[in-house]
Protein backbone atom coordinates (compact mmCIF):
# COMPACT_ATOMS: atom_id res chain seq x y z
CA MET A 1 -14.56 2.84 -3.34
CA ASN A 2 -15.79 -0.40 -1.82
CA ASP A 3 -13.87 -3.42 -0.50
CA HIS A 4 -14.07 -5.30 -3.82
CA LYS A 5 -12.73 -2.36 -5.87
CA ALA A 6 -9.95 -1.76 -3.33
CA ARG A 7 -8.85 -5.42 -3.59
CA THR A 8 -8.86 -5.14 -7.39
CA HIS A 9 -6.72 -1.98 -7.27
CA ALA A 10 -4.30 -3.66 -4.85
CA GLU A 11 -3.92 -6.74 -7.04
CA GLN A 12 -3.42 -4.62 -10.19
CA ALA A 13 -0.75 -2.53 -8.43
CA ARG A 14 1.37 -5.58 -7.49
CA PRO A 15 3.79 -5.52 -10.47
CA PHE A 16 4.31 -1.75 -10.29
CA HIS A 17 5.40 -1.90 -6.64
CA SER A 18 7.42 -5.13 -6.67
CA VAL A 19 5.02 -7.16 -4.57
CA PRO A 20 6.44 -10.70 -4.64
CA ALA A 21 4.45 -13.14 -6.75
CA ASP A 22 4.06 -15.55 -3.83
CA ALA A 23 2.76 -12.86 -1.45
CA GLU A 24 -0.91 -13.29 -0.58
CA LEU A 25 -3.34 -10.43 -0.01
CA VAL A 26 -4.29 -11.27 3.58
CA ASP A 27 -6.09 -8.12 4.73
CA ILE A 28 -7.48 -4.84 3.45
CA GLU A 29 -8.72 -2.08 5.71
CA ARG A 30 -10.17 1.37 5.06
CA ARG A 31 -8.67 3.96 7.40
CA TYR A 32 -7.17 7.41 7.63
CA ILE A 33 -3.41 7.65 7.14
CA GLU A 34 -1.07 10.60 7.51
CA LEU A 35 0.59 11.63 4.27
CA ALA A 36 3.28 14.26 3.74
CA GLY A 37 4.59 15.80 0.54
CA PRO A 38 6.21 13.88 -2.31
CA ASP A 39 9.81 14.65 -1.26
CA PRO A 40 10.61 12.95 2.06
CA THR A 41 13.69 15.15 2.58
CA ALA A 42 11.76 18.43 2.32
CA PRO A 43 9.49 19.88 5.00
CA ALA A 44 5.82 19.59 4.10
CA PRO A 45 2.50 19.78 5.88
CA VAL A 46 1.03 16.44 6.85
CA ARG A 47 -2.53 15.71 5.76
CA ASP A 48 -4.98 13.00 6.65
CA LEU A 49 -6.09 10.85 3.75
CA LEU A 50 -8.77 8.16 3.63
CA ALA A 51 -7.08 5.09 2.16
CA TRP A 52 -7.42 1.36 1.80
CA VAL A 53 -4.36 -0.36 3.28
CA ALA A 54 -3.76 -3.73 1.62
CA ARG A 55 -1.41 -6.14 3.40
CA PHE A 56 0.43 -8.77 1.38
CA GLU A 57 2.39 -11.50 3.18
CA ASN A 58 4.73 -14.34 2.33
CA GLU A 59 7.18 -16.40 4.37
CA ASN A 60 9.73 -13.55 4.32
CA GLY A 61 7.51 -10.78 5.67
CA TRP A 62 4.79 -8.31 4.77
CA MET A 63 4.15 -5.38 2.45
CA ASP A 64 1.45 -2.71 2.71
CA LEU A 65 0.07 -0.70 -0.20
CA ALA A 66 -1.99 2.34 0.81
CA ILE A 67 -4.52 3.15 -1.90
CA ASP A 68 -6.28 6.54 -2.02
CA ASP A 69 -10.01 5.92 -1.49
CA HIS A 70 -10.92 8.67 -3.97
CA SER A 71 -8.42 8.27 -6.84
CA GLY A 72 -7.39 4.62 -6.52
CA ASP A 73 -3.71 5.60 -6.68
CA VAL A 74 -1.11 3.91 -4.48
CA VAL A 75 0.09 6.70 -2.20
CA ARG A 76 2.42 4.80 0.13
CA VAL A 77 4.33 1.52 0.14
CA GLU A 78 5.74 0.00 3.34
CA ARG A 79 7.47 -3.33 3.77
CA SER A 80 8.97 -5.34 6.61
CA ARG A 81 12.74 -5.67 6.75
CA GLY A 82 12.56 -9.32 5.73
CA LEU A 83 10.72 -8.55 2.52
CA THR A 84 12.98 -7.17 -0.17
CA ALA A 85 11.91 -6.34 -3.70
CA GLY A 86 11.43 -9.59 -5.57
CA SER A 87 11.65 -11.85 -2.48
């Protein structure tokens, strides 16, 4: 996936991950992230995954969507404490 496709995937994923409408895509970076299993309460091996990390920001904080470089799926969502769903 290239930068343009990653930005497109990030923008299309906004409504599915409650990215606020006023949040702007300010940065996107291709890097390896550590990813565990689907259940955060269960032990699982950690694996490295090449992903595009898209950062959205508004006046309340930031939100990162990690997008699998191979599949285009969002594999992790992180947000600052100030940014709540819909804010």
